[in-house]
């Protein structure tokens, strides 16, 4: 297994509201950015998954706000695969301020693996190389 780094960047101006804090809707996008980064780091970028004929639609998203991030504040996202059965995938996310170390947001997302017609796919049987990547990183802690 490869060492995985947290996804890091700063809050962009356009992501903030009149109060200078990140608008709540942007945290869901940050979850997606961190998922994309995670998959790239483990050697299974979305392009490869989709080129195999698989899609990963979102089933649900949950976001709990603890402390807002402000314009230009650096942050790190720690995604974690917490459940995976070959057909569905569940991740959690922790967004932490790089300035203070405070937990700013906790969240989760659930996804299923489908073909392009949105029929469920069992990755263990049809795409064992994709299955192995997700299974290998189940419960992996990014530090």
N, C-alpha and C. Protein backbone atom coordinates (compact mmCIF):
# COMPACT_ATOMS: atom_id res chain seq x y z
N UNK A 1 0.84 -1.19 0.00
CA UNK A 1 0.00 0.00 0.00
C UNK A 1 0.87 1.24 0.00
N UNK A 2 0.38 2.26 -0.66
CA UNK A 2 1.08 3.53 -0.73
C UNK A 2 0.69 4.41 0.45
N UNK A 3 1.61 5.28 0.86
CA UNK A 3 1.27 6.28 1.87
C UNK A 3 0.41 7.35 1.20
N UNK A 4 -0.65 7.73 1.86
CA UNK A 4 -1.58 8.71 1.32
C UNK A 4 -1.49 9.98 2.16
N UNK A 5 -1.45 11.11 1.47
CA UNK A 5 -1.40 12.40 2.15
C UNK A 5 -2.80 13.01 2.19
N UNK A 6 -3.06 13.81 3.21
CA UNK A 6 -4.35 14.52 3.21
C UNK A 6 -4.41 15.48 2.03
N UNK A 7 -5.61 15.80 1.62
CA UNK A 7 -5.82 16.78 0.56
C UNK A 7 -5.72 18.16 1.21
N UNK A 8 -4.87 19.03 0.65
CA UNK A 8 -4.66 20.35 1.26
C UNK A 8 -4.82 21.46 0.24
N UNK A 9 -5.40 22.55 0.69
CA UNK A 9 -5.44 23.81 -0.05
C UNK A 9 -6.00 24.89 0.86
N UNK A 10 -6.19 26.08 0.33
CA UNK A 10 -6.75 27.20 1.10
C UNK A 10 -8.12 27.56 0.54
N UNK A 11 -8.90 28.26 1.34
CA UNK A 11 -10.22 28.72 0.93
C UNK A 11 -10.07 29.81 -0.12
N UNK A 12 -10.74 29.64 -1.25
CA UNK A 12 -10.72 30.64 -2.31
C UNK A 12 -11.75 31.73 -2.01
N UNK A 13 -11.47 32.93 -2.51
CA UNK A 13 -12.37 34.06 -2.27
C UNK A 13 -13.79 33.78 -2.75
N UNK A 14 -13.91 33.20 -3.95
CA UNK A 14 -15.25 32.97 -4.50
C UNK A 14 -16.06 31.96 -3.68
N UNK A 15 -15.41 31.20 -2.80
CA UNK A 15 -16.11 30.23 -1.97
C UNK A 15 -16.69 30.85 -0.70
N UNK A 16 -16.40 32.13 -0.47
CA UNK A 16 -16.83 32.77 0.77
C UNK A 16 -18.11 33.58 0.56
N UNK A 17 -18.76 33.86 1.67
CA UNK A 17 -19.95 34.69 1.64
C UNK A 17 -19.60 36.10 2.11
N UNK A 18 -20.59 36.92 2.34
CA UNK A 18 -20.38 38.31 2.73
C UNK A 18 -19.61 38.44 4.06
N UNK A 19 -19.67 37.40 4.88
CA UNK A 19 -18.99 37.41 6.17
C UNK A 19 -17.54 36.95 6.07
N UNK A 20 -17.10 36.56 4.85
CA UNK A 20 -15.73 36.11 4.67
C UNK A 20 -15.50 34.67 5.08
N UNK A 21 -16.58 33.91 5.28
CA UNK A 21 -16.42 32.49 5.64
C UNK A 21 -16.90 31.62 4.47
N UNK A 22 -16.35 30.42 4.42
CA UNK A 22 -16.70 29.52 3.33
C UNK A 22 -18.20 29.22 3.40
N UNK A 23 -18.87 29.39 2.27
CA UNK A 23 -20.30 29.08 2.20
C UNK A 23 -20.48 27.58 2.43
N UNK A 24 -21.53 27.23 3.17
CA UNK A 24 -21.73 25.84 3.59
C UNK A 24 -21.80 24.86 2.43
N UNK A 25 -22.31 25.28 1.28
CA UNK A 25 -22.45 24.35 0.15
C UNK A 25 -21.10 23.90 -0.42
N UNK A 26 -20.06 24.67 -0.20
CA UNK A 26 -18.76 24.33 -0.77
C UNK A 26 -18.08 23.14 -0.08
N UNK A 27 -18.48 22.82 1.12
CA UNK A 27 -17.85 21.70 1.81
C UNK A 27 -18.12 20.38 1.10
N UNK A 28 -19.29 20.26 0.46
CA UNK A 28 -19.59 19.04 -0.29
C UNK A 28 -18.64 18.91 -1.48
N UNK A 29 -18.33 20.03 -2.12
CA UNK A 29 -17.36 20.02 -3.22
C UNK A 29 -15.97 19.62 -2.71
N UNK A 30 -15.63 20.09 -1.53
CA UNK A 30 -14.34 19.75 -0.94
C UNK A 30 -14.25 18.24 -0.68
N UNK A 31 -15.36 17.63 -0.25
CA UNK A 31 -15.38 16.18 -0.08
C UNK A 31 -15.02 15.51 -1.41
N UNK A 32 -15.63 15.97 -2.50
CA UNK A 32 -15.36 15.38 -3.80
C UNK A 32 -13.91 15.59 -4.22
N UNK A 33 -13.39 16.79 -4.01
CA UNK A 33 -11.99 17.05 -4.35
C UNK A 33 -11.07 16.09 -3.61
N UNK A 34 -11.37 15.84 -2.34
CA UNK A 34 -10.51 14.95 -1.56
C UNK A 34 -10.65 13.50 -2.01
N UNK A 35 -11.85 13.09 -2.45
CA UNK A 35 -12.03 11.74 -3.01
C UNK A 35 -11.21 11.57 -4.27
N UNK A 36 -11.26 12.57 -5.15
CA UNK A 36 -10.49 12.52 -6.39
C UNK A 36 -9.00 12.42 -6.08
N UNK A 37 -8.52 13.22 -5.15
CA UNK A 37 -7.12 13.19 -4.75
C UNK A 37 -6.74 11.82 -4.17
N UNK A 38 -7.58 11.29 -3.32
CA UNK A 38 -7.34 9.99 -2.70
C UNK A 38 -7.20 8.92 -3.78
N UNK A 39 -8.13 8.89 -4.74
CA UNK A 39 -8.09 7.87 -5.79
C UNK A 39 -6.86 8.02 -6.67
N UNK A 40 -6.45 9.25 -6.96
CA UNK A 40 -5.22 9.47 -7.73
C UNK A 40 -4.01 8.93 -6.97
N UNK A 41 -3.98 9.19 -5.65
CA UNK A 41 -2.83 8.75 -4.86
C UNK A 41 -2.73 7.23 -4.75
N UNK A 42 -3.86 6.53 -4.75
CA UNK A 42 -3.81 5.06 -4.64
C UNK A 42 -3.67 4.39 -6.00
N UNK A 43 -3.54 5.20 -7.06
CA UNK A 43 -3.31 4.65 -8.39
C UNK A 43 -4.55 4.22 -9.14
N UNK A 44 -5.71 4.72 -8.72
CA UNK A 44 -6.96 4.38 -9.39
C UNK A 44 -7.77 5.64 -9.63
N UNK A 45 -7.27 6.55 -10.50
CA UNK A 45 -8.00 7.80 -10.74
C UNK A 45 -9.36 7.54 -11.38
N UNK A 46 -10.26 8.50 -11.19
CA UNK A 46 -11.61 8.38 -11.75
C UNK A 46 -11.59 8.07 -13.24
N UNK A 47 -10.62 8.63 -13.97
CA UNK A 47 -10.55 8.38 -15.41
C UNK A 47 -10.42 6.89 -15.69
N UNK A 48 -9.62 6.19 -14.90
CA UNK A 48 -9.44 4.74 -15.08
C UNK A 48 -10.72 3.98 -14.74
N UNK A 49 -11.37 4.39 -13.66
CA UNK A 49 -12.61 3.73 -13.25
C UNK A 49 -13.66 3.90 -14.34
N UNK A 50 -13.84 5.13 -14.80
CA UNK A 50 -14.84 5.40 -15.82
C UNK A 50 -14.47 4.76 -17.16
N UNK A 51 -13.18 4.68 -17.48
CA UNK A 51 -12.76 4.01 -18.71
C UNK A 51 -13.07 2.52 -18.68
N UNK A 52 -13.21 1.96 -17.48
CA UNK A 52 -13.58 0.55 -17.33
C UNK A 52 -15.08 0.34 -17.52
N UNK A 53 -15.83 1.44 -17.60
CA UNK A 53 -17.28 1.33 -17.77
C UNK A 53 -18.05 1.43 -16.47
N UNK A 54 -17.40 1.93 -15.43
CA UNK A 54 -18.03 2.05 -14.11
C UNK A 54 -18.26 3.51 -13.77
N UNK A 55 -19.38 3.77 -13.13
CA UNK A 55 -19.67 5.08 -12.58
C UNK A 55 -19.84 4.91 -11.07
N UNK A 56 -19.70 6.01 -10.35
CA UNK A 56 -19.84 5.98 -8.88
C UNK A 56 -20.81 7.07 -8.43
N UNK A 57 -22.10 6.93 -8.73
CA UNK A 57 -23.03 7.97 -8.32
C UNK A 57 -23.13 8.07 -6.80
N UNK A 58 -23.45 9.27 -6.36
CA UNK A 58 -23.62 9.54 -4.93
C UNK A 58 -25.00 9.07 -4.49
N UNK A 59 -25.04 8.31 -3.40
CA UNK A 59 -26.31 7.88 -2.81
C UNK A 59 -26.74 8.83 -1.70
N UNK A 60 -25.77 9.33 -0.93
CA UNK A 60 -26.10 10.25 0.16
C UNK A 60 -24.85 11.04 0.56
N UNK A 61 -25.10 12.21 1.15
CA UNK A 61 -24.03 13.05 1.68
C UNK A 61 -24.53 13.64 2.99
N UNK A 62 -23.63 13.71 3.96
CA UNK A 62 -23.95 14.29 5.26
C UNK A 62 -22.82 15.23 5.64
N UNK A 63 -23.15 16.37 6.21
CA UNK A 63 -22.13 17.35 6.57
C UNK A 63 -22.52 18.00 7.90
N UNK A 64 -21.57 17.99 8.85
CA UNK A 64 -21.79 18.61 10.16
C UNK A 64 -20.73 19.68 10.37
N UNK A 65 -21.20 20.89 10.58
CA UNK A 65 -20.32 22.05 10.67
C UNK A 65 -19.95 22.30 12.13
N UNK A 66 -18.65 22.44 12.38
CA UNK A 66 -18.15 22.67 13.74
C UNK A 66 -17.63 24.10 13.89
N UNK A 67 -16.84 24.55 12.91
CA UNK A 67 -16.24 25.88 12.93
C UNK A 67 -15.97 26.30 11.50
N UNK A 68 -16.41 27.49 11.09
CA UNK A 68 -16.24 27.88 9.68
C UNK A 68 -14.78 28.16 9.32
N UNK A 69 -14.46 27.84 8.08
CA UNK A 69 -13.18 28.23 7.52
C UNK A 69 -13.34 29.62 6.92
N UNK A 70 -12.26 30.40 6.94
CA UNK A 70 -12.30 31.78 6.45
C UNK A 70 -11.47 31.91 5.18
N UNK A 71 -11.70 33.00 4.45
CA UNK A 71 -10.97 33.26 3.22
C UNK A 71 -9.47 33.10 3.43
N UNK A 72 -8.84 32.37 2.54
CA UNK A 72 -7.40 32.12 2.48
C UNK A 72 -6.87 31.22 3.61
N UNK A 73 -7.75 30.69 4.43
CA UNK A 73 -7.31 29.80 5.51
C UNK A 73 -6.93 28.44 4.92
N UNK A 74 -5.73 27.96 5.21
CA UNK A 74 -5.35 26.64 4.72
C UNK A 74 -6.04 25.55 5.53
N UNK A 75 -6.40 24.47 4.84
CA UNK A 75 -7.07 23.36 5.51
C UNK A 75 -6.61 22.04 4.91
N UNK A 76 -6.86 20.97 5.64
CA UNK A 76 -6.54 19.62 5.18
C UNK A 76 -7.78 18.76 5.33
N UNK A 77 -7.96 17.86 4.38
CA UNK A 77 -9.10 16.94 4.41
C UNK A 77 -8.57 15.52 4.55
N UNK A 78 -9.18 14.79 5.46
CA UNK A 78 -8.79 13.41 5.75
C UNK A 78 -9.96 12.48 5.39
N UNK A 79 -9.99 11.98 4.15
CA UNK A 79 -11.04 11.03 3.79
C UNK A 79 -10.68 9.63 4.29
N UNK A 80 -11.69 8.83 4.53
CA UNK A 80 -11.46 7.46 5.00
C UNK A 80 -12.58 6.55 4.48
N UNK A 81 -12.21 5.44 3.89
CA UNK A 81 -13.19 4.44 3.49
C UNK A 81 -13.56 3.66 4.75
N UNK A 82 -14.84 3.72 5.13
CA UNK A 82 -15.26 3.05 6.36
C UNK A 82 -16.08 1.79 6.11
N UNK A 83 -16.71 1.69 4.93
CA UNK A 83 -17.43 0.47 4.56
C UNK A 83 -17.32 0.29 3.05
N UNK A 84 -17.14 -0.97 2.67
CA UNK A 84 -17.04 -1.29 1.25
C UNK A 84 -17.41 -2.76 1.08
N UNK A 85 -18.37 -3.03 0.21
CA UNK A 85 -18.75 -4.42 -0.03
C UNK A 85 -18.64 -4.83 -1.49
N UNK A 86 -18.01 -3.99 -2.30
CA UNK A 86 -17.86 -4.30 -3.70
C UNK A 86 -18.91 -3.66 -4.58
N UNK A 87 -20.05 -3.33 -3.99
CA UNK A 87 -21.13 -2.67 -4.72
C UNK A 87 -21.37 -1.26 -4.19
N UNK A 88 -21.20 -1.08 -2.89
CA UNK A 88 -21.36 0.26 -2.29
C UNK A 88 -20.10 0.64 -1.53
N UNK A 89 -19.90 1.94 -1.43
CA UNK A 89 -18.72 2.51 -0.80
C UNK A 89 -19.17 3.62 0.13
N UNK A 90 -18.67 3.65 1.34
CA UNK A 90 -19.00 4.68 2.32
C UNK A 90 -17.71 5.31 2.84
N UNK A 91 -17.64 6.63 2.76
CA UNK A 91 -16.46 7.36 3.22
C UNK A 91 -16.86 8.37 4.29
N UNK A 92 -15.90 8.67 5.14
CA UNK A 92 -16.04 9.80 6.06
C UNK A 92 -14.97 10.82 5.72
N UNK A 93 -15.20 12.06 6.16
CA UNK A 93 -14.27 13.16 5.90
C UNK A 93 -14.13 13.99 7.16
N UNK A 94 -12.91 14.42 7.42
CA UNK A 94 -12.63 15.39 8.47
C UNK A 94 -11.88 16.54 7.83
N UNK A 95 -12.41 17.76 7.96
CA UNK A 95 -11.73 18.94 7.44
C UNK A 95 -11.18 19.69 8.64
N UNK A 96 -9.86 19.91 8.62
CA UNK A 96 -9.14 20.48 9.75
C UNK A 96 -8.41 21.75 9.31
N UNK A 97 -8.47 22.78 10.13
CA UNK A 97 -7.73 24.01 9.85
C UNK A 97 -6.24 23.73 10.03
N UNK A 98 -5.44 24.11 9.04
CA UNK A 98 -3.98 23.95 9.16
C UNK A 98 -3.39 25.03 10.07
N UNK A 99 -4.14 26.10 10.33
CA UNK A 99 -3.65 27.17 11.22
C UNK A 99 -3.80 26.81 12.69
N UNK A 100 -4.95 26.24 13.02
CA UNK A 100 -5.26 26.00 14.44
C UNK A 100 -5.31 24.53 14.83
N UNK A 101 -5.43 23.65 13.83
CA UNK A 101 -5.59 22.23 14.13
C UNK A 101 -7.01 21.86 14.52
N UNK A 102 -7.93 22.84 14.48
CA UNK A 102 -9.31 22.58 14.88
C UNK A 102 -10.06 21.79 13.82
N UNK A 103 -10.93 20.90 14.28
CA UNK A 103 -11.85 20.22 13.39
C UNK A 103 -12.92 21.22 12.98
N UNK A 104 -13.07 21.44 11.69
CA UNK A 104 -14.05 22.42 11.18
C UNK A 104 -15.31 21.75 10.67
N UNK A 105 -15.15 20.60 10.02
CA UNK A 105 -16.29 19.91 9.42
C UNK A 105 -16.06 18.40 9.49
N UNK A 106 -17.14 17.68 9.77
CA UNK A 106 -17.15 16.23 9.66
C UNK A 106 -18.24 15.88 8.66
N UNK A 107 -18.02 14.85 7.88
CA UNK A 107 -19.05 14.46 6.93
C UNK A 107 -18.87 13.06 6.43
N UNK A 108 -19.78 12.67 5.56
CA UNK A 108 -19.71 11.34 4.98
C UNK A 108 -20.41 11.36 3.62
N UNK A 109 -20.08 10.36 2.82
CA UNK A 109 -20.77 10.17 1.55
C UNK A 109 -20.85 8.68 1.27
N UNK A 110 -21.92 8.30 0.57
CA UNK A 110 -22.12 6.92 0.16
C UNK A 110 -22.26 6.90 -1.35
N UNK A 111 -21.71 5.87 -1.96
CA UNK A 111 -21.69 5.75 -3.41
C UNK A 111 -21.98 4.30 -3.78
N UNK A 112 -22.49 4.11 -5.00
CA UNK A 112 -22.61 2.75 -5.51
C UNK A 112 -21.86 2.66 -6.83
N UNK A 113 -21.49 1.47 -7.19
CA UNK A 113 -20.81 1.23 -8.46
C UNK A 113 -21.87 0.77 -9.45
N UNK A 114 -21.93 1.44 -10.61
CA UNK A 114 -22.91 1.10 -11.62
C UNK A 114 -22.25 1.07 -12.99
N UNK A 115 -22.96 0.48 -13.96
CA UNK A 115 -22.54 0.63 -15.34
C UNK A 115 -23.12 1.95 -15.85
N UNK A 116 -22.91 2.24 -17.13
CA UNK A 116 -23.38 3.52 -17.67
C UNK A 116 -24.90 3.62 -17.74
N UNK A 117 -25.60 2.49 -17.62
CA UNK A 117 -27.06 2.49 -17.59
C UNK A 117 -27.59 2.55 -16.15
N UNK A 118 -26.68 2.77 -15.21
CA UNK A 118 -26.98 2.87 -13.78
C UNK A 118 -27.48 1.56 -13.16
N UNK A 119 -27.07 0.44 -13.74
CA UNK A 119 -27.34 -0.86 -13.13
C UNK A 119 -26.19 -1.18 -12.17
N UNK A 120 -26.48 -1.65 -10.98
CA UNK A 120 -25.41 -1.97 -10.01
C UNK A 120 -24.40 -2.95 -10.58
N UNK A 121 -23.15 -2.76 -10.16
CA UNK A 121 -22.04 -3.61 -10.60
C UNK A 121 -21.36 -4.19 -9.37
N UNK A 122 -21.07 -5.47 -9.42
CA UNK A 122 -20.30 -6.12 -8.36
C UNK A 122 -18.84 -6.10 -8.79
N UNK A 123 -18.09 -5.18 -8.21
CA UNK A 123 -16.70 -5.01 -8.64
C UNK A 123 -15.84 -6.24 -8.35
N UNK A 124 -16.15 -6.95 -7.29
CA UNK A 124 -15.32 -8.11 -6.94
C UNK A 124 -15.32 -9.16 -8.06
N UNK A 125 -16.45 -9.31 -8.72
CA UNK A 125 -16.57 -10.30 -9.79
C UNK A 125 -16.12 -9.77 -11.14
N UNK A 126 -16.55 -8.55 -11.49
CA UNK A 126 -16.32 -8.03 -12.83
C UNK A 126 -15.07 -7.17 -12.97
N UNK A 127 -14.65 -6.53 -11.87
CA UNK A 127 -13.51 -5.61 -11.92
C UNK A 127 -12.63 -5.83 -10.68
N UNK A 128 -11.98 -7.00 -10.58
CA UNK A 128 -11.22 -7.32 -9.36
C UNK A 128 -10.09 -6.34 -9.06
N UNK A 129 -9.50 -5.71 -10.09
CA UNK A 129 -8.42 -4.74 -9.85
C UNK A 129 -8.96 -3.49 -9.17
N UNK A 130 -10.16 -3.09 -9.51
CA UNK A 130 -10.80 -1.94 -8.86
C UNK A 130 -11.23 -2.33 -7.45
N UNK A 131 -11.82 -3.50 -7.31
CA UNK A 131 -12.23 -3.99 -6.00
C UNK A 131 -11.05 -4.01 -5.03
N UNK A 132 -9.92 -4.52 -5.50
CA UNK A 132 -8.74 -4.65 -4.63
C UNK A 132 -8.28 -3.31 -4.07
N UNK A 133 -8.28 -2.27 -4.89
CA UNK A 133 -7.84 -0.96 -4.42
C UNK A 133 -8.72 -0.49 -3.26
N UNK A 134 -10.02 -0.57 -3.43
CA UNK A 134 -10.92 -0.10 -2.37
C UNK A 134 -10.84 -1.00 -1.13
N UNK A 135 -10.75 -2.30 -1.34
CA UNK A 135 -10.64 -3.23 -0.21
C UNK A 135 -9.34 -3.02 0.56
N UNK A 136 -8.24 -2.77 -0.16
CA UNK A 136 -6.95 -2.57 0.49
C UNK A 136 -6.93 -1.33 1.37
N UNK A 137 -7.69 -0.30 1.00
CA UNK A 137 -7.66 0.95 1.76
C UNK A 137 -8.85 1.11 2.70
N UNK A 138 -9.61 0.05 2.93
CA UNK A 138 -10.69 0.08 3.90
C UNK A 138 -10.10 0.33 5.29
N UNK A 139 -10.61 1.35 5.96
CA UNK A 139 -10.17 1.75 7.31
C UNK A 139 -8.74 2.31 7.37
N UNK A 140 -8.16 2.65 6.22
CA UNK A 140 -6.82 3.23 6.19
C UNK A 140 -6.87 4.63 6.80
N UNK A 141 -6.00 4.91 7.75
CA UNK A 141 -5.92 6.22 8.42
C UNK A 141 -4.89 7.10 7.74
N UNK A 142 -5.34 8.24 7.22
CA UNK A 142 -4.42 9.23 6.66
C UNK A 142 -3.93 10.09 7.82
N UNK A 143 -2.62 10.25 7.91
CA UNK A 143 -2.07 11.06 9.00
C UNK A 143 -1.31 12.26 8.48
